[in-house]
PDB file of N, CA and C in Angstrom:
ATOM      1  N   MET A   1      72.937  49.986 -32.007  1.00  0.00           N
ATOM      2  CA  MET A   1      71.669  49.510 -31.509  1.00  0.00           C
ATOM      3  C   MET A   1      71.644  49.561 -29.979  1.00  0.00           C
ATOM      4  N   LYS A   2      72.696  49.072 -29.351  1.00  0.00           N
ATOM      5  CA  LYS A   2      72.741  49.066 -27.890  1.00  0.00           C
ATOM      6  C   LYS A   2      72.819  50.482 -27.342  1.00  0.00           C
ATOM      7  N   GLU A   3      73.605  51.333 -28.009  1.00  0.00           N
ATOM      8  CA  GLU A   3      73.789  52.707 -27.537  1.00  0.00           C
ATOM      9  C   GLU A   3      72.468  53.449 -27.420  1.00  0.00           C
ATOM     10  N   HIS A   4      71.572  53.234 -28.381  1.00  0.00           N
ATOM     11  CA  HIS A   4      70.284  53.928 -28.394  1.00  0.00           C
ATOM     12  C   HIS A   4      69.161  53.078 -27.805  1.00  0.00           C
ATOM     13  N   GLN A   5      69.499  51.907 -27.297  1.00  0.00           N
ATOM     14  CA  GLN A   5      68.556  50.999 -26.657  1.00  0.00           C
ATOM     15  C   GLN A   5      67.413  50.586 -27.579  1.00  0.00           C
ATOM     16  N   PHE A   6      67.728  50.404 -28.886  1.00  0.00           N
ATOM     17  CA  PHE A   6      66.731  49.908 -29.820  1.00  0.00           C
ATOM     18  C   PHE A   6      66.533  48.419 -29.581  1.00  0.00           C
ATOM     19  N   THR A   7      65.306  47.961 -29.716  1.00  0.00           N
ATOM     20  CA  THR A   7      65.001  46.549 -29.466  1.00  0.00           C
ATOM     21  C   THR A   7      64.516  45.813 -30.705  1.00  0.00           C
ATOM     22  N   PHE A   8      64.405  46.513 -31.832  1.00  0.00           N
ATOM     23  CA  PHE A   8      63.929  45.857 -33.042  1.00  0.00           C
ATOM     24  C   PHE A   8      65.094  45.169 -33.761  1.00  0.00           C
ATOM     25  N   PRO A   9      64.811  44.120 -34.542  1.00  0.00           N
ATOM     26  CA  PRO A   9      65.888  43.397 -35.225  1.00  0.00           C
ATOM     27  C   PRO A   9      66.438  44.190 -36.411  1.00  0.00           C
ATOM     28  N   VAL A  10      67.720  44.024 -36.672  1.00  0.00           N
ATOM     29  CA  VAL A  10      68.402  44.671 -37.785  1.00  0.00           C
ATOM     30  C   VAL A  10      69.189  43.601 -38.535  1.00  0.00           C
ATOM     31  N   VAL A  11      69.161  43.653 -39.861  1.00  0.00           N
ATOM     32  CA  VAL A  11      69.914  42.708 -40.678  1.00  0.00           C
ATOM     33  C   VAL A  11      71.213  43.375 -41.117  1.00  0.00           C
ATOM     34  N   PRO A  12      72.351  43.007 -40.526  1.00  0.00           N
ATOM     35  CA  PRO A  12      73.612  43.647 -40.889  1.00  0.00           C
ATOM     36  C   PRO A  12      74.348  42.926 -42.021  1.00  0.00           C
ATOM     37  N   ALA A  13      73.649  42.184 -42.849  1.00  0.00           N
ATOM     38  CA  ALA A  13      74.267  41.379 -43.898  1.00  0.00           C
ATOM     39  C   ALA A  13      74.029  42.016 -45.266  1.00  0.00           C
ATOM     40  N   TYR A  14      74.869  42.973 -45.622  1.00  0.00           N
ATOM     41  CA  TYR A  14      74.683  43.735 -46.854  1.00  0.00           C
ATOM     42  C   TYR A  14      74.616  42.839 -48.095  1.00  0.00           C
ATOM     43  N   ALA A  15      75.548  41.896 -48.234  1.00  0.00           N
ATOM     44  CA  ALA A  15      75.571  41.034 -49.424  1.00  0.00           C
ATOM     45  C   ALA A  15      74.285  40.216 -49.539  1.00  0.00           C
ATOM     46  N   TYR A  16      73.790  39.712 -48.411  1.00  0.00           N
ATOM     47  CA  TYR A  16      72.549  38.949 -48.422  1.00  0.00           C
ATOM     48  C   TYR A  16      71.385  39.813 -48.896  1.00  0.00           C
ATOM     49  N   ILE A  17      71.300  41.018 -48.372  1.00  0.00           N
ATOM     50  CA  ILE A  17      70.221  41.926 -48.741  1.00  0.00           C
ATOM     51  C   ILE A  17      70.322  42.302 -50.220  1.00  0.00           C
ATOM     52  N   GLU A  18      71.517  42.605 -50.677  1.00  0.00           N
ATOM     53  CA  GLU A  18      71.705  42.968 -52.091  1.00  0.00           C
ATOM     54  C   GLU A  18      71.257  41.832 -53.001  1.00  0.00           C
ATOM     55  N   ASP A  19      71.645  40.597 -52.673  1.00  0.00           N
ATOM     56  CA  ASP A  19      71.252  39.441 -53.480  1.00  0.00           C
ATOM     57  C   ASP A  19      69.760  39.162 -53.391  1.00  0.00           C
ATOM     58  N   THR A  20      69.177  39.379 -52.235  1.00  0.00           N
ATOM     59  CA  THR A  20      67.763  39.069 -52.008  1.00  0.00           C
ATOM     60  C   THR A  20      66.838  40.131 -52.588  1.00  0.00           C
ATOM     61  N   LEU A  21      67.156  41.402 -52.362  1.00  0.00           N
ATOM     62  CA  LEU A  21      66.254  42.478 -52.756  1.00  0.00           C
ATOM     63  C   LEU A  21      66.626  43.140 -54.080  1.00  0.00           C
ATOM     64  N   HIS A  22      67.799  42.860 -54.589  1.00  0.00           N
ATOM     65  CA  HIS A  22      68.244  43.400 -55.882  1.00  0.00           C
ATOM     66  C   HIS A  22      68.084  44.914 -55.950  1.00  0.00           C
ATOM     67  N   SER A  23      68.577  45.570 -54.938  1.00  0.00           N
ATOM     68  CA  SER A  23      68.441  47.015 -54.884  1.00  0.00           C
ATOM     69  C   SER A  23      69.690  47.617 -54.263  1.00  0.00           C
ATOM     70  N   LEU A  24      70.198  48.658 -54.897  1.00  0.00           N
ATOM     71  CA  LEU A  24      71.338  49.374 -54.346  1.00  0.00           C
ATOM     72  C   LEU A  24      70.895  50.771 -53.961  1.00  0.00           C
ATOM     73  N   GLY A  25      71.396  51.267 -52.883  1.00  0.00           N
ATOM     74  CA  GLY A  25      71.063  52.607 -52.427  1.00  0.00           C
ATOM     75  C   GLY A  25      71.166  52.684 -50.922  1.00  0.00           C
ATOM     76  N   ILE A  26      71.508  53.835 -50.457  1.00  0.00           N
ATOM     77  CA  ILE A  26      71.640  54.053 -49.023  1.00  0.00           C
ATOM     78  C   ILE A  26      70.918  55.341 -48.697  1.00  0.00           C
ATOM     79  N   PRO A  27      70.122  55.422 -47.694  1.00  0.00           N
ATOM     80  CA  PRO A  27      69.715  54.329 -46.814  1.00  0.00           C
ATOM     81  C   PRO A  27      68.570  53.524 -47.414  1.00  0.00           C
ATOM     82  N   GLN A  28      68.394  52.335 -46.887  1.00  0.00           N
ATOM     83  CA  GLN A  28      67.267  51.484 -47.232  1.00  0.00           C
ATOM     84  C   GLN A  28      66.599  51.061 -45.934  1.00  0.00           C
ATOM     85  N   ASN A  29      65.291  50.991 -45.954  1.00  0.00           N
ATOM     86  CA  ASN A  29      64.519  50.575 -44.782  1.00  0.00           C
ATOM     87  C   ASN A  29      63.531  49.514 -45.214  1.00  0.00           C
ATOM     88  N   TRP A  30      63.427  48.460 -44.425  1.00  0.00           N
ATOM     89  CA  TRP A  30      62.482  47.390 -44.731  1.00  0.00           C
ATOM     90  C   TRP A  30      61.671  47.070 -43.498  1.00  0.00           C
ATOM     91  N   ILE A  31      60.450  46.684 -43.738  1.00  0.00           N
ATOM     92  CA  ILE A  31      59.644  46.066 -42.694  1.00  0.00           C
ATOM     93  C   ILE A  31      59.443  44.637 -43.158  1.00  0.00           C
ATOM     94  N   VAL A  32      59.897  43.704 -42.328  1.00  0.00           N
ATOM     95  CA  VAL A  32      59.835  42.280 -42.634  1.00  0.00           C
ATOM     96  C   VAL A  32      58.969  41.631 -41.580  1.00  0.00           C
ATOM     97  N   ASP A  33      57.990  40.834 -42.029  1.00  0.00           N
ATOM     98  CA  ASP A  33      57.093  40.217 -41.056  1.00  0.00           C
ATOM     99  C   ASP A  33      57.752  39.020 -40.371  1.00  0.00           C
ATOM    100  N   ALA A  34      57.049  38.411 -39.448  1.00  0.00           N
ATOM    101  CA  ALA A  34      57.585  37.303 -38.657  1.00  0.00           C
ATOM    102  C   ALA A  34      57.939  36.092 -39.513  1.00  0.00           C
ATOM    103  N   ASN A  35      57.386  36.014 -40.722  1.00  0.00           N
ATOM    104  CA  ASN A  35      57.677  34.906 -41.628  1.00  0.00           C
ATOM    105  C   ASN A  35      58.795  35.226 -42.609  1.00  0.00           C
ATOM    106  N   GLY A  36      59.406  36.395 -42.456  1.00  0.00           N
ATOM    107  CA  GLY A  36      60.508  36.779 -43.342  1.00  0.00           C
ATOM    108  C   GLY A  36      60.074  37.407 -44.650  1.00  0.00           C
ATOM    109  N   VAL A  37      58.799  37.767 -44.762  1.00  0.00           N
ATOM    110  CA  VAL A  37      58.285  38.389 -45.983  1.00  0.00           C
ATOM    111  C   VAL A  37      58.478  39.899 -45.891  1.00  0.00           C
ATOM    112  N   VAL A  38      59.105  40.489 -46.917  1.00  0.00           N
ATOM    113  CA  VAL A  38      59.300  41.935 -46.951  1.00  0.00           C
ATOM    114  C   VAL A  38      57.950  42.588 -47.224  1.00  0.00           C
ATOM    115  N   ARG A  39      57.452  43.364 -46.276  1.00  0.00           N
ATOM    116  CA  ARG A  39      56.146  44.016 -46.387  1.00  0.00           C
ATOM    117  C   ARG A  39      56.251  45.456 -46.869  1.00  0.00           C
ATOM    118  N   LEU A  40      57.390  46.082 -46.633  1.00  0.00           N
ATOM    119  CA  LEU A  40      57.578  47.463 -47.065  1.00  0.00           C
ATOM    120  C   LEU A  40      59.054  47.683 -47.302  1.00  0.00           C
ATOM    121  N   LYS A  41      59.384  48.328 -48.405  1.00  0.00           N
ATOM    122  CA  LYS A  41      60.772  48.652 -48.705  1.00  0.00           C
ATOM    123  C   LYS A  41      60.851  50.127 -49.044  1.00  0.00           C
ATOM    124  N   GLY A  42      61.725  50.834 -48.359  1.00  0.00           N
ATOM    125  CA  GLY A  42      61.916  52.249 -48.617  1.00  0.00           C
ATOM    126  C   GLY A  42      63.350  52.521 -49.020  1.00  0.00           C
ATOM    127  N   LEU A  43      63.535  53.387 -49.987  1.00  0.00           N
ATOM    128  CA  LEU A  43      64.859  53.724 -50.480  1.00  0.00           C
ATOM    129  C   LEU A  43      65.034  55.222 -50.423  1.00  0.00           C
ATOM    130  N   GLY A  44      66.116  55.675 -49.815  1.00  0.00           N
ATOM    131  CA  GLY A  44      66.399  57.099 -49.761  1.00  0.00           C
ATOM    132  C   GLY A  44      66.124  57.693 -48.400  1.00  0.00           C
ATOM    133  N   TYR A  45      66.401  58.976 -48.301  1.00  0.00           N
ATOM    134  CA  TYR A  45      66.288  59.692 -47.038  1.00  0.00           C
ATOM    135  C   TYR A  45      65.123  60.658 -47.080  1.00  0.00           C
ATOM    136  N   ASP A  46      64.349  60.695 -46.007  1.00  0.00           N
ATOM    137  CA  ASP A  46      63.227  61.618 -45.887  1.00  0.00           C
ATOM    138  C   ASP A  46      63.122  62.040 -44.424  1.00  0.00           C
ATOM    139  N   PRO A  47      63.521  63.268 -44.102  1.00  0.00           N
ATOM    140  CA  PRO A  47      63.523  63.703 -42.706  1.00  0.00           C
ATOM    141  C   PRO A  47      62.166  64.168 -42.177  1.00  0.00           C
ATOM    142  N   SER A  48      61.122  64.040 -42.962  1.00  0.00           N
ATOM    143  CA  SER A  48      59.838  64.614 -42.572  1.00  0.00           C
ATOM    144  C   SER A  48      59.142  63.813 -41.474  1.00  0.00           C
ATOM    145  N   GLU A  49      58.294  64.522 -40.741  1.00  0.00           N
ATOM    146  CA  GLU A  49      57.463  63.882 -39.721  1.00  0.00           C
ATOM    147  C   GLU A  49      56.479  62.905 -40.362  1.00  0.00           C
ATOM    148  N   GLU A  50      56.034  63.186 -41.580  1.00  0.00           N
ATOM    149  CA  GLU A  50      55.091  62.308 -42.264  1.00  0.00           C
ATOM    150  C   GLU A  50      55.714  60.935 -42.494  1.00  0.00           C
ATOM    151  N   TRP A  51      57.015  60.916 -42.831  1.00  0.00           N
ATOM    152  CA  TRP A  51      57.702  59.650 -43.048  1.00  0.00           C
ATOM    153  C   TRP A  51      57.721  58.854 -41.750  1.00  0.00           C
ATOM    154  N   ASP A  52      58.056  59.518 -40.657  1.00  0.00           N
ATOM    155  CA  ASP A  52      58.067  58.845 -39.357  1.00  0.00           C
ATOM    156  C   ASP A  52      56.702  58.236 -39.053  1.00  0.00           C
ATOM    157  N   ASP A  53      55.660  59.031 -39.242  1.00  0.00           N
ATOM    158  CA  ASP A  53      54.304  58.549 -38.965  1.00  0.00           C
ATOM    159  C   ASP A  53      53.945  57.362 -39.854  1.00  0.00           C
ATOM    160  N   ALA A  54      54.318  57.429 -41.129  1.00  0.00           N
ATOM    161  CA  ALA A  54      54.012  56.344 -42.064  1.00  0.00           C
ATOM    162  C   ALA A  54      54.753  55.062 -41.671  1.00  0.00           C
ATOM    163  N   MET A  55      55.992  55.191 -41.209  1.00  0.00           N
ATOM    164  CA  MET A  55      56.750  54.008 -40.803  1.00  0.00           C
ATOM    165  C   MET A  55      56.143  53.379 -39.543  1.00  0.00           C
ATOM    166  N   VAL A  56      55.783  54.191 -38.582  1.00  0.00           N
ATOM    167  CA  VAL A  56      55.155  53.660 -37.364  1.00  0.00           C
ATOM    168  C   VAL A  56      53.849  52.958 -37.721  1.00  0.00           C
ATOM    169  N   GLU A  57      53.073  53.562 -38.603  1.00  0.00           N
ATOM    170  CA  GLU A  57      51.814  52.944 -39.042  1.00  0.00           C
ATOM    171  C   GLU A  57      52.069  51.608 -39.736  1.00  0.00           C
ATOM    172  N   ALA A  58      53.072  51.556 -40.608  1.00  0.00           N
ATOM    173  CA  ALA A  58      53.395  50.319 -41.321  1.00  0.00           C
ATOM    174  C   ALA A  58      53.892  49.242 -40.363  1.00  0.00           C
ATOM    175  N   ILE A  59      54.681  49.639 -39.373  1.00  0.00           N
ATOM    176  CA  ILE A  59      55.152  48.675 -38.377  1.00  0.00           C
ATOM    177  C   ILE A  59      53.974  48.143 -37.581  1.00  0.00           C
ATOM    178  N   GLU A  60      53.086  49.025 -37.151  1.00  0.00           N
ATOM    179  CA  GLU A  60      51.886  48.597 -36.414  1.00  0.00           C
ATOM    180  C   GLU A  60      51.074  47.600 -37.235  1.00  0.00           C
ATOM    181  N   LYS A  61      50.911  47.896 -38.507  1.00  0.00           N
ATOM    182  CA  LYS A  61      50.106  47.055 -39.389  1.00  0.00           C
ATOM    183  C   LYS A  61      50.726  45.662 -39.559  1.00  0.00           C
ATOM    184  N   ASN A  62      52.050  45.566 -39.486  1.00  0.00           N
ATOM    185  CA  ASN A  62      52.741  44.313 -39.759  1.00  0.00           C
ATOM    186  C   ASN A  62      53.358  43.652 -38.541  1.00  0.00           C
ATOM    187  N   LYS A  63      53.035  44.128 -37.345  1.00  0.00           N
ATOM    188  CA  LYS A  63      53.620  43.535 -36.146  1.00  0.00           C
ATOM    189  C   LYS A  63      53.023  42.149 -35.901  1.00  0.00           C
ATOM    190  N   PRO A  64      53.791  41.292 -35.225  1.00  0.00           N
ATOM    191  CA  PRO A  64      53.279  39.949 -34.923  1.00  0.00           C
ATOM    192  C   PRO A  64      52.059  40.008 -34.021  1.00  0.00           C
ATOM    193  N   GLU A  65      51.193  39.020 -34.167  1.00  0.00           N
ATOM    194  CA  GLU A  65      50.020  38.941 -33.297  1.00  0.00           C
ATOM    195  C   GLU A  65      50.470  38.838 -31.850  1.00  0.00           C
ATOM    196  N   GLY A  66      49.783  39.531 -30.977  1.00  0.00           N
ATOM    197  CA  GLY A  66      50.093  39.488 -29.563  1.00  0.00           C
ATOM    198  C   GLY A  66      51.063  40.565 -29.117  1.00  0.00           C
ATOM    199  N   GLN A  67      51.786  41.173 -30.055  1.00  0.00           N
ATOM    200  CA  GLN A  67      52.692  42.267 -29.676  1.00  0.00           C
ATOM    201  C   GLN A  67      51.851  43.509 -29.470  1.00  0.00           C
ATOM    202  N   THR A  68      52.050  44.194 -28.356  1.00  0.00           N
ATOM    203  CA  THR A  68      51.170  45.299 -28.003  1.00  0.00           C
ATOM    204  C   THR A  68      51.678  46.660 -28.424  1.00  0.00           C
ATOM    205  N   SER A  69      52.963  46.791 -28.712  1.00  0.00           N
ATOM    206  CA  SER A  69      53.460  48.104 -29.100  1.00  0.00           C
ATOM    207  C   SER A  69      54.644  47.955 -30.041  1.00  0.00           C
ATOM    208  N   VAL A  70      54.982  49.046 -30.694  1.00  0.00           N
ATOM    209  CA  VAL A  70      56.131  49.070 -31.593  1.00  0.00           C
ATOM    210  C   VAL A  70      57.166  50.010 -31.019  1.00  0.00           C
ATOM    211  N   PRO A  71      58.423  49.891 -31.450  1.00  0.00           N
ATOM    212  CA  PRO A  71      59.437  50.825 -30.970  1.00  0.00           C
ATOM    213  C   PRO A  71      59.086  52.248 -31.355  1.00  0.00           C
ATOM    214  N   THR A  72      59.440  53.173 -30.518  1.00  0.00           N
ATOM    215  CA  THR A  72      59.200  54.578 -30.816  1.00  0.00           C
ATOM    216  C   THR A  72      60.508  55.253 -31.142  1.00  0.00           C
ATOM    217  N   ARG A  73      60.410  56.356 -31.817  1.00  0.00           N
ATOM    218  CA  ARG A  73      61.581  57.132 -32.198  1.00  0.00           C
ATOM    219  C   ARG A  73      62.123  57.839 -30.960  1.00  0.00           C
ATOM    220  N   PRO A  74      63.467  57.844 -30.807  1.00  0.00           N
ATOM    221  CA  PRO A  74      64.022  58.577 -29.667  1.00  0.00           C
ATOM    222  C   PRO A  74      63.746  60.067 -29.801  1.00  0.00           C
ATOM    223  N   PRO A  75      63.666  60.781 -28.697  1.00  0.00           N
ATOM    224  CA  PRO A  75      63.400  62.235 -28.774  1.00  0.00           C
ATOM    225  C   PRO A  75      64.532  62.956 -29.502  1.00  0.00           C
ATOM    226  N   LYS A  76      64.168  64.014 -30.240  1.00  0.00           N
ATOM    227  CA  LYS A  76      65.173  64.814 -30.928  1.00  0.00           C
ATOM    228  C   LYS A  76      65.994  65.570 -29.897  1.00  0.00           C
ATOM    229  N   GLN A  77      67.273  65.687 -30.179  1.00  0.00           N
ATOM    230  CA  GLN A  77      68.158  66.391 -29.253  1.00  0.00           C
ATOM    231  C   GLN A  77      68.538  67.733 -29.769  1.00  0.00           C
TER     232      GLN A  77
END
């Protein structure tokens, strides 16, 4: 997270997530609102630009009130 200067929160507690979401698979992506409610759960890998756009849209839709922007994807190298 620090290496890429990401500022969004990450839950590094695998056992907690497994018990809470009852889902196995890697990778998994979640959008969780400010109240801890899972708003979107994604399972699997999708390298498409459409996936990126859909995730940014979902983050925008679920961001806390007053937040003006969401994290952006780092440029491809």
